[in-house]
Amino acid sequence: MKKLKIFIIIFLCLMLIPFIINFYVVFKVQDKIVDIKDINKYYDFGLVLGCGVKKDGTPSLMLRDRLDKVIEIYEKGLIEKIIISGHHSDGYSEVDVMEDYLINHNISKDVIIRDNKGFSTSESIENFANKYQDKTAIIITQEYHLYRSLYLAQKFNLNAVGTPAKMVNYGGQIFRNLREILARNKDFLKYLFK
């Protein structure tokens, strides 16, 4: 009976670890999430993270909200260039769809920088760090995703803040939140000693 109690205690402690890591990641960067009205300086880039396109070749609702937010930030004169980072391969390109959407909303092609190798959040942040380490950035994604994005930016010593895209009920958000807890744990462990 005593061994069973010890096993249960150890099991419960192990079950708590992912939630402790999740809390740590959120706590570490929560002050880096800013509302657009509170941005009081100029940034070099707005970094938009990709998140899927519809079968008809238009942005998903979440992606559209991210693109609309970066357009708003650019039109307010808070950034110089827009980096679009996403998956790009034969027959599927988030980056093409993102670029088309921005151009169709009066953003000059000269303002847009493509990162075709942003296959994941960590790759998008790492790609930015490898090219623009000394530059400043506003990362644009939904708030639940900003915590991990900013945590990774911090790990790569980037001077970055995040602005959340409009949050609406996208459907399936509970699943995305749970998946994000696991992704925060994965990236925490992956970059633990960086």
C-alpha atoms as a PDB file:
ATOM      1  CA  MET A   1       0.000   0.000   0.000  1.00  0.00           C
ATOM      2  CA  LYS A   2       2.845   2.392   0.841  1.00  0.00           C
ATOM      3  CA  LYS A   3       4.475   1.738  -2.559  1.00  0.00           C
ATOM      4  CA  LEU A   4       1.180   2.487  -4.280  1.00  0.00           C
ATOM      5  CA  LYS A   5       0.897   5.843  -2.468  1.00  0.00           C
ATOM      6  CA  ILE A   6       4.462   6.734  -3.432  1.00  0.00           C
ATOM      7  CA  PHE A   7       3.748   5.762  -7.030  1.00  0.00           C
ATOM      8  CA  ILE A   8       0.591   7.903  -7.090  1.00  0.00           C
ATOM      9  CA  ILE A   9       2.448  10.898  -5.615  1.00  0.00           C
ATOM     10  CA  ILE A  10       5.268  10.552  -8.164  1.00  0.00           C
ATOM     11  CA  PHE A  11       2.736  10.127 -10.984  1.00  0.00           C
ATOM     12  CA  LEU A  12       0.813  13.255  -9.944  1.00  0.00           C
ATOM     13  CA  CYS A  13       4.048  15.259  -9.693  1.00  0.00           C
ATOM     14  CA  LEU A  14       5.044  14.153 -13.186  1.00  0.00           C
ATOM     15  CA  MET A  15       1.608  15.111 -14.492  1.00  0.00           C
ATOM     16  CA  LEU A  16       2.084  18.615 -13.091  1.00  0.00           C
ATOM     17  CA  ILE A  17       5.379  19.250 -14.901  1.00  0.00           C
ATOM     18  CA  PRO A  18       3.824  20.199 -18.289  1.00  0.00           C
ATOM     19  CA  PHE A  19       1.542  22.718 -16.552  1.00  0.00           C
ATOM     20  CA  ILE A  20       4.442  24.196 -14.579  1.00  0.00           C
ATOM     21  CA  ILE A  21       6.459  24.618 -17.790  1.00  0.00           C
ATOM     22  CA  ASN A  22       3.444  26.147 -19.509  1.00  0.00           C
ATOM     23  CA  PHE A  23       2.977  28.619 -16.660  1.00  0.00           C
ATOM     24  CA  TYR A  24       6.680  29.505 -16.745  1.00  0.00           C
ATOM     25  CA  VAL A  25       6.642  30.249 -20.508  1.00  0.00           C
ATOM     26  CA  VAL A  26       3.522  32.426 -20.185  1.00  0.00           C
ATOM     27  CA  PHE A  27       4.825  34.253 -17.106  1.00  0.00           C
ATOM     28  CA  LYS A  28       8.250  34.890 -18.654  1.00  0.00           C
ATOM     29  CA  VAL A  29       6.920  36.910 -21.609  1.00  0.00           C
ATOM     30  CA  GLN A  30       3.490  38.229 -20.641  1.00  0.00           C
ATOM     31  CA  ASP A  31       4.829  41.793 -20.364  1.00  0.00           C
ATOM     32  CA  LYS A  32       5.982  41.612 -24.005  1.00  0.00           C
ATOM     33  CA  ILE A  33       2.418  41.429 -25.325  1.00  0.00           C
ATOM     34  CA  VAL A  34       1.250  44.930 -26.147  1.00  0.00           C
ATOM     35  CA  ASP A  35      -1.870  46.458 -27.605  1.00  0.00           C
ATOM     36  CA  ILE A  36      -1.319  48.455 -30.766  1.00  0.00           C
ATOM     37  CA  LYS A  37      -2.360  51.676 -29.001  1.00  0.00           C
ATOM     38  CA  ASP A  38       0.441  51.130 -26.464  1.00  0.00           C
ATOM     39  CA  ILE A  39       3.229  50.794 -29.018  1.00  0.00           C
ATOM     40  CA  ASN A  40       5.230  53.967 -28.559  1.00  0.00           C
ATOM     41  CA  LYS A  41       8.257  53.340 -30.727  1.00  0.00           C
ATOM     42  CA  TYR A  42       9.142  52.390 -34.269  1.00  0.00           C
ATOM     43  CA  TYR A  43      10.065  48.781 -35.153  1.00  0.00           C
ATOM     44  CA  ASP A  44      11.986  47.504 -38.153  1.00  0.00           C
ATOM     45  CA  PHE A  45       9.644  44.611 -38.935  1.00  0.00           C
ATOM     46  CA  GLY A  46       6.217  43.179 -38.426  1.00  0.00           C
ATOM     47  CA  LEU A  47       6.628  39.404 -38.410  1.00  0.00           C
ATOM     48  CA  VAL A  48       3.441  37.558 -39.372  1.00  0.00           C
ATOM     49  CA  LEU A  49       3.370  33.840 -38.593  1.00  0.00           C
ATOM     50  CA  GLY A  50       1.480  31.618 -41.025  1.00  0.00           C
ATOM     51  CA  CYS A  51      -1.341  29.312 -39.941  1.00  0.00           C
ATOM     52  CA  GLY A  52      -2.995  27.699 -42.928  1.00  0.00           C
ATOM     53  CA  VAL A  53      -5.021  28.554 -45.974  1.00  0.00           C
ATOM     54  CA  LYS A  54      -8.415  27.477 -47.242  1.00  0.00           C
ATOM     55  CA  LYS A  55      -8.870  25.050 -50.131  1.00  0.00           C
ATOM     56  CA  ASP A  56      -9.900  27.973 -52.342  1.00  0.00           C
ATOM     57  CA  GLY A  57      -6.463  29.575 -51.867  1.00  0.00           C
ATOM     58  CA  THR A  58      -7.542  32.324 -49.470  1.00  0.00           C
ATOM     59  CA  PRO A  59      -6.276  32.880 -45.920  1.00  0.00           C
ATOM     60  CA  SER A  60      -7.931  30.986 -43.091  1.00  0.00           C
ATOM     61  CA  LEU A  61      -9.866  33.229 -40.715  1.00  0.00           C
ATOM     62  CA  MET A  62      -7.001  33.173 -38.207  1.00  0.00           C
ATOM     63  CA  LEU A  63      -4.444  34.033 -40.868  1.00  0.00           C
ATOM     64  CA  ARG A  64      -6.633  36.810 -42.255  1.00  0.00           C
ATOM     65  CA  ASP A  65      -6.879  38.351 -38.789  1.00  0.00           C
ATOM     66  CA  ARG A  66      -3.083  38.277 -38.479  1.00  0.00           C
ATOM     67  CA  LEU A  67      -2.670  39.923 -41.871  1.00  0.00           C
ATOM     68  CA  ASP A  68      -5.274  42.574 -41.080  1.00  0.00           C
ATOM     69  CA  LYS A  69      -3.401  43.380 -37.857  1.00  0.00           C
ATOM     70  CA  VAL A  70      -0.058  43.812 -39.615  1.00  0.00           C
ATOM     71  CA  ILE A  71      -1.737  46.044 -42.218  1.00  0.00           C
ATOM     72  CA  GLU A  72      -3.101  48.186 -39.384  1.00  0.00           C
ATOM     73  CA  ILE A  73       0.333  48.368 -37.751  1.00  0.00           C
ATOM     74  CA  TYR A  74       2.012  49.263 -41.051  1.00  0.00           C
ATOM     75  CA  GLU A  75      -0.564  51.931 -41.883  1.00  0.00           C
ATOM     76  CA  LYS A  76       0.029  53.532 -38.472  1.00  0.00           C
ATOM     77  CA  GLY A  77       3.709  53.862 -39.418  1.00  0.00           C
ATOM     78  CA  LEU A  78       4.962  51.600 -36.621  1.00  0.00           C
ATOM     79  CA  ILE A  79       7.020  49.267 -38.849  1.00  0.00           C
ATOM     80  CA  GLU A  80       9.126  49.615 -41.967  1.00  0.00           C
ATOM     81  CA  LYS A  81       8.763  46.145 -43.518  1.00  0.00           C
ATOM     82  CA  ILE A  82       6.505  43.108 -43.213  1.00  0.00           C
ATOM     83  CA  ILE A  83       7.941  39.597 -43.013  1.00  0.00           C
ATOM     84  CA  ILE A  84       5.534  36.811 -43.866  1.00  0.00           C
ATOM     85  CA  SER A  85       6.698  33.434 -42.613  1.00  0.00           C
ATOM     86  CA  GLY A  86       5.058  30.167 -43.466  1.00  0.00           C
ATOM     87  CA  HIS A  87       5.023  26.853 -45.210  1.00  0.00           C
ATOM     88  CA  HIS A  88       5.916  26.925 -48.905  1.00  0.00           C
ATOM     89  CA  SER A  89       6.132  23.826 -51.081  1.00  0.00           C
ATOM     90  CA  ASP A  90       4.842  22.501 -54.395  1.00  0.00           C
ATOM     91  CA  GLY A  91       1.086  22.909 -54.497  1.00  0.00           C
ATOM     92  CA  TYR A  92       0.833  24.635 -51.114  1.00  0.00           C
ATOM     93  CA  SER A  93       2.073  28.024 -50.107  1.00  0.00           C
ATOM     94  CA  GLU A  94       0.933  30.020 -47.119  1.00  0.00           C
ATOM     95  CA  VAL A  95       3.464  32.652 -48.137  1.00  0.00           C
ATOM     96  CA  ASP A  96       1.976  33.137 -51.628  1.00  0.00           C
ATOM     97  CA  VAL A  97      -1.505  33.519 -50.141  1.00  0.00           C
ATOM     98  CA  MET A  98      -0.242  35.951 -47.497  1.00  0.00           C
ATOM     99  CA  GLU A  99       1.608  38.041 -50.057  1.00  0.00           C
ATOM    100  CA  ASP A 100      -1.400  38.169 -52.408  1.00  0.00           C
ATOM    101  CA  TYR A 101      -3.660  39.249 -49.545  1.00  0.00           C
ATOM    102  CA  LEU A 102      -1.317  42.060 -48.514  1.00  0.00           C
ATOM    103  CA  ILE A 103      -0.869  43.307 -52.074  1.00  0.00           C
ATOM    104  CA  ASN A 104      -4.653  43.217 -52.598  1.00  0.00           C
ATOM    105  CA  HIS A 105      -4.918  45.435 -49.509  1.00  0.00           C
ATOM    106  CA  ASN A 106      -2.596  48.113 -50.918  1.00  0.00           C
ATOM    107  CA  ILE A 107       0.680  46.962 -49.340  1.00  0.00           C
ATOM    108  CA  SER A 108       3.506  47.464 -51.825  1.00  0.00           C
ATOM    109  CA  LYS A 109       5.450  44.352 -52.812  1.00  0.00           C
ATOM    110  CA  ASP A 110       8.615  46.280 -51.888  1.00  0.00           C
ATOM    111  CA  VAL A 111       7.518  46.270 -48.246  1.00  0.00           C
ATOM    112  CA  ILE A 112       7.021  42.493 -48.096  1.00  0.00           C
ATOM    113  CA  ILE A 113       9.798  40.030 -47.234  1.00  0.00           C
ATOM    114  CA  ARG A 114       9.060  36.329 -47.688  1.00  0.00           C
ATOM    115  CA  ASP A 115      10.269  33.565 -45.386  1.00  0.00           C
ATOM    116  CA  ASN A 116       9.341  30.421 -47.305  1.00  0.00           C
ATOM    117  CA  LYS A 117      10.886  28.115 -44.700  1.00  0.00           C
ATOM    118  CA  GLY A 118       8.701  28.949 -41.727  1.00  0.00           C
ATOM    119  CA  PHE A 119       7.432  25.389 -41.357  1.00  0.00           C
ATOM    120  CA  SER A 120       6.874  25.865 -37.623  1.00  0.00           C
ATOM    121  CA  THR A 121       6.831  28.658 -35.076  1.00  0.00           C
ATOM    122  CA  SER A 122      10.339  27.847 -33.891  1.00  0.00           C
ATOM    123  CA  GLU A 123      11.677  27.794 -37.469  1.00  0.00           C
ATOM    124  CA  SER A 124      10.044  31.154 -38.240  1.00  0.00           C
ATOM    125  CA  ILE A 125      11.623  32.759 -35.178  1.00  0.00           C
ATOM    126  CA  GLU A 126      14.997  31.114 -35.808  1.00  0.00           C
ATOM    127  CA  ASN A 127      14.952  32.187 -39.481  1.00  0.00           C
ATOM    128  CA  PHE A 128      14.301  35.770 -38.395  1.00  0.00           C
ATOM    129  CA  ALA A 129      17.102  35.619 -35.816  1.00  0.00           C
ATOM    130  CA  ASN A 130      19.573  34.261 -38.358  1.00  0.00           C
ATOM    131  CA  LYS A 131      18.949  37.143 -40.766  1.00  0.00           C
ATOM    132  CA  TYR A 132      17.930  40.091 -38.598  1.00  0.00           C
ATOM    133  CA  GLN A 133      19.486  39.543 -35.168  1.00  0.00           C
ATOM    134  CA  ASP A 134      20.140  43.254 -34.645  1.00  0.00           C
ATOM    135  CA  LYS A 135      16.689  44.410 -35.811  1.00  0.00           C
ATOM    136  CA  THR A 136      13.487  45.029 -33.873  1.00  0.00           C
ATOM    137  CA  ALA A 137      10.194  43.276 -34.513  1.00  0.00           C
ATOM    138  CA  ILE A 138       6.532  43.154 -33.654  1.00  0.00           C
ATOM    139  CA  ILE A 139       5.336  39.553 -33.852  1.00  0.00           C
ATOM    140  CA  ILE A 140       1.737  39.195 -34.988  1.00  0.00           C
ATOM    141  CA  THR A 141      -0.352  36.124 -34.179  1.00  0.00           C
ATOM    142  CA  GLN A 142      -3.256  35.232 -31.892  1.00  0.00           C
ATOM    143  CA  GLU A 143      -2.617  35.833 -28.198  1.00  0.00           C
ATOM    144  CA  TYR A 144      -2.558  32.174 -27.177  1.00  0.00           C
ATOM    145  CA  HIS A 145       0.269  31.667 -29.710  1.00  0.00           C
ATOM    146  CA  LEU A 146       2.177  34.840 -28.826  1.00  0.00           C
ATOM    147  CA  TYR A 147       3.501  33.465 -25.532  1.00  0.00           C
ATOM    148  CA  ARG A 148       5.522  30.734 -27.207  1.00  0.00           C
ATOM    149  CA  SER A 149       6.541  32.979 -30.102  1.00  0.00           C
ATOM    150  CA  LEU A 150       7.875  35.614 -27.725  1.00  0.00           C
ATOM    151  CA  TYR A 151       9.516  33.006 -25.507  1.00  0.00           C
ATOM    152  CA  LEU A 152      11.412  31.739 -28.551  1.00  0.00           C
ATOM    153  CA  ALA A 153      12.290  35.295 -29.566  1.00  0.00           C
ATOM    154  CA  GLN A 154      13.707  35.820 -26.078  1.00  0.00           C
ATOM    155  CA  LYS A 155      15.748  32.620 -26.392  1.00  0.00           C
ATOM    156  CA  PHE A 156      17.254  33.997 -29.606  1.00  0.00           C
ATOM    157  CA  ASN A 157      17.978  37.360 -27.938  1.00  0.00           C
ATOM    158  CA  LEU A 158      15.641  39.266 -30.236  1.00  0.00           C
ATOM    159  CA  ASN A 159      14.323  42.711 -29.453  1.00  0.00           C
ATOM    160  CA  ALA A 160      10.668  41.852 -30.016  1.00  0.00           C
ATOM    161  CA  VAL A 161       7.196  42.463 -28.695  1.00  0.00           C
ATOM    162  CA  GLY A 162       3.956  40.841 -29.764  1.00  0.00           C
ATOM    163  CA  THR A 163       0.607  42.237 -30.746  1.00  0.00           C
ATOM    164  CA  PRO A 164      -2.367  39.881 -30.784  1.00  0.00           C
ATOM    165  CA  ALA A 165      -4.519  39.564 -33.852  1.00  0.00           C
ATOM    166  CA  LYS A 166      -8.212  40.010 -33.238  1.00  0.00           C
ATOM    167  CA  MET A 167      -9.466  37.075 -31.190  1.00  0.00           C
ATOM    168  CA  VAL A 168     -12.793  35.693 -32.228  1.00  0.00           C
ATOM    169  CA  ASN A 169     -14.349  32.290 -31.733  1.00  0.00           C
ATOM    170  CA  TYR A 170     -12.541  30.356 -34.448  1.00  0.00           C
ATOM    171  CA  GLY A 171     -13.979  27.006 -33.407  1.00  0.00           C
ATOM    172  CA  GLY A 172     -11.755  24.305 -31.960  1.00  0.00           C
ATOM    173  CA  GLN A 173      -9.963  26.775 -29.704  1.00  0.00           C
ATOM    174  CA  ILE A 174      -9.947  24.412 -26.720  1.00  0.00           C
ATOM    175  CA  PHE A 175      -8.027  21.887 -28.818  1.00  0.00           C
ATOM    176  CA  ARG A 176      -5.611  24.586 -30.013  1.00  0.00           C
ATOM    177  CA  ASN A 177      -5.016  25.731 -26.417  1.00  0.00           C
ATOM    178  CA  LEU A 178      -4.212  22.171 -25.315  1.00  0.00           C
ATOM    179  CA  ARG A 179      -1.970  21.632 -28.315  1.00  0.00           C
ATOM    180  CA  GLU A 180      -0.209  24.898 -27.552  1.00  0.00           C
ATOM    181  CA  ILE A 181       0.546  23.761 -23.983  1.00  0.00           C
ATOM    182  CA  LEU A 182       2.297  20.724 -25.455  1.00  0.00           C
ATOM    183  CA  ALA A 183       4.116  22.903 -28.021  1.00  0.00           C
ATOM    184  CA  ARG A 184       5.315  25.255 -25.256  1.00  0.00           C
ATOM    185  CA  ASN A 185       6.711  22.253 -23.416  1.00  0.00           C
ATOM    186  CA  LYS A 186       8.385  20.935 -26.566  1.00  0.00           C
ATOM    187  CA  ASP A 187      10.071  24.251 -27.357  1.00  0.00           C
ATOM    188  CA  PHE A 188      10.994  24.832 -23.710  1.00  0.00           C
ATOM    189  CA  LEU A 189      12.879  21.527 -23.693  1.00  0.00           C
ATOM    190  CA  LYS A 190      14.316  22.008 -27.192  1.00  0.00           C
ATOM    191  CA  TYR A 191      15.843  25.379 -26.312  1.00  0.00           C
ATOM    192  CA  LEU A 192      16.462  24.745 -22.608  1.00  0.00           C
ATOM    193  CA  PHE A 193      20.212  25.294 -22.859  1.00  0.00           C
ATOM    194  CA  LYS A 194      20.223  27.950 -25.586  1.00  0.00           C
END
